[in-house]
Amino acid sequence: MALYAILIGDQDEAKRIVSGMLPDERAEFAGHLDDLRRLLGPVCHNCGNVTEIGTATTDPFSEMCCFLCVRCAAAHRTR
């Protein structure tokens, strides 16, 4: 229900629901959100947006390869 409250823009209701959870319930809920986040795709290391599934690229010029969204990858190539 907390996720639904967030989806419809009711943050107060989401806070109320989450604050009513026991600590182990909050931890389990957080685990489910982590699973969902991984399903949504990697996060762009430049802008923080979720990259589109199947379109993320890594920066081969970086010391540490990272995921870049299409927009940030294009901006990086034009530098």
Protein backbone atom coordinates (compact mmCIF):
# COMPACT_ATOMS: atom_id res chain seq x y z
CA MET A 1 0.00 0.00 0.00
CA ALA A 2 2.90 2.39 0.69
CA LEU A 3 4.16 1.98 -2.85
CA TYR A 4 0.69 2.66 -4.22
CA ALA A 5 0.47 5.80 -2.07
CA ILE A 6 3.75 7.00 -3.58
CA LEU A 7 2.54 6.19 -7.10
CA ILE A 8 -0.57 8.34 -6.65
CA GLY A 9 1.48 11.15 -5.05
CA ASP A 10 0.24 10.75 -1.47
CA GLN A 11 3.50 10.94 0.47
CA ASP A 12 1.76 11.59 3.78
CA GLU A 13 -0.15 8.32 3.47
CA ALA A 14 3.04 6.48 2.47
CA LYS A 15 4.84 7.89 5.53
CA ARG A 16 1.93 6.86 7.75
CA ILE A 17 1.97 3.32 6.38
CA VAL A 18 5.75 2.93 6.66
CA SER A 19 5.88 4.41 10.16
CA GLY A 20 3.28 1.83 11.24
CA MET A 21 5.47 -1.05 10.10
CA LEU A 22 7.59 -3.06 12.50
CA PRO A 23 11.36 -2.88 11.88
CA ASP A 24 11.48 -6.35 10.29
CA GLU A 25 8.54 -5.44 8.04
CA ARG A 26 10.34 -2.27 6.90
CA ALA A 27 13.51 -4.28 6.20
CA GLU A 28 11.54 -6.82 4.15
CA PHE A 29 9.79 -4.01 2.25
CA ALA A 30 13.15 -2.35 1.55
CA GLY A 31 14.44 -5.65 0.18
CA HIS A 32 11.49 -5.86 -2.20
CA LEU A 33 12.15 -2.29 -3.34
CA ASP A 34 15.82 -3.18 -3.97
CA ASP A 35 14.66 -6.12 -6.11
CA LEU A 36 12.31 -3.84 -8.05
CA ARG A 37 15.08 -1.27 -8.54
CA ARG A 38 17.35 -3.93 -10.08
CA LEU A 39 14.54 -4.93 -12.45
CA LEU A 40 14.11 -1.33 -13.60
CA GLY A 41 17.68 -1.18 -14.89
CA PRO A 42 21.01 0.27 -13.88
CA VAL A 43 21.38 3.86 -12.74
CA CYS A 44 23.39 6.32 -14.83
CA HIS A 45 26.57 7.15 -12.94
CA ASN A 46 26.54 10.66 -14.39
CA CYS A 47 23.00 11.99 -13.92
CA GLY A 48 21.43 9.39 -11.61
CA ASN A 49 18.51 8.56 -13.92
CA VAL A 50 17.55 4.96 -14.50
CA THR A 51 18.99 3.88 -17.83
CA GLU A 52 16.71 2.33 -20.41
CA ILE A 53 16.93 -1.46 -20.35
CA GLY A 54 19.16 -2.65 -23.16
CA THR A 55 20.49 0.80 -24.03
CA ALA A 56 22.95 1.45 -21.21
CA THR A 57 26.56 1.78 -22.24
CA THR A 58 29.76 1.77 -20.25
CA ASP A 59 32.36 4.48 -20.46
CA PRO A 60 35.53 2.81 -21.79
CA PHE A 61 37.59 5.95 -21.09
CA SER A 62 36.88 5.93 -17.37
CA GLU A 63 39.25 4.34 -14.86
CA MET A 64 36.22 2.46 -13.61
CA CYS A 65 33.62 1.49 -16.21
CA CYS A 66 30.18 2.79 -15.33
CA PHE A 67 26.69 2.82 -16.77
CA LEU A 68 25.68 5.90 -18.73
CA CYS A 69 22.21 6.67 -20.04
CA VAL A 70 21.85 7.37 -23.75
CA ARG A 71 21.80 11.15 -23.22
CA CYS A 72 24.93 11.21 -21.05
CA ALA A 73 26.74 8.77 -23.35
CA ALA A 74 25.97 11.01 -26.34
CA ALA A 75 27.14 14.11 -24.46
CA HIS A 76 30.32 12.31 -23.47
CA ARG A 77 31.05 11.31 -27.07
CA THR A 78 30.72 14.92 -28.30
CA ARG A 79 33.33 16.24 -25.88
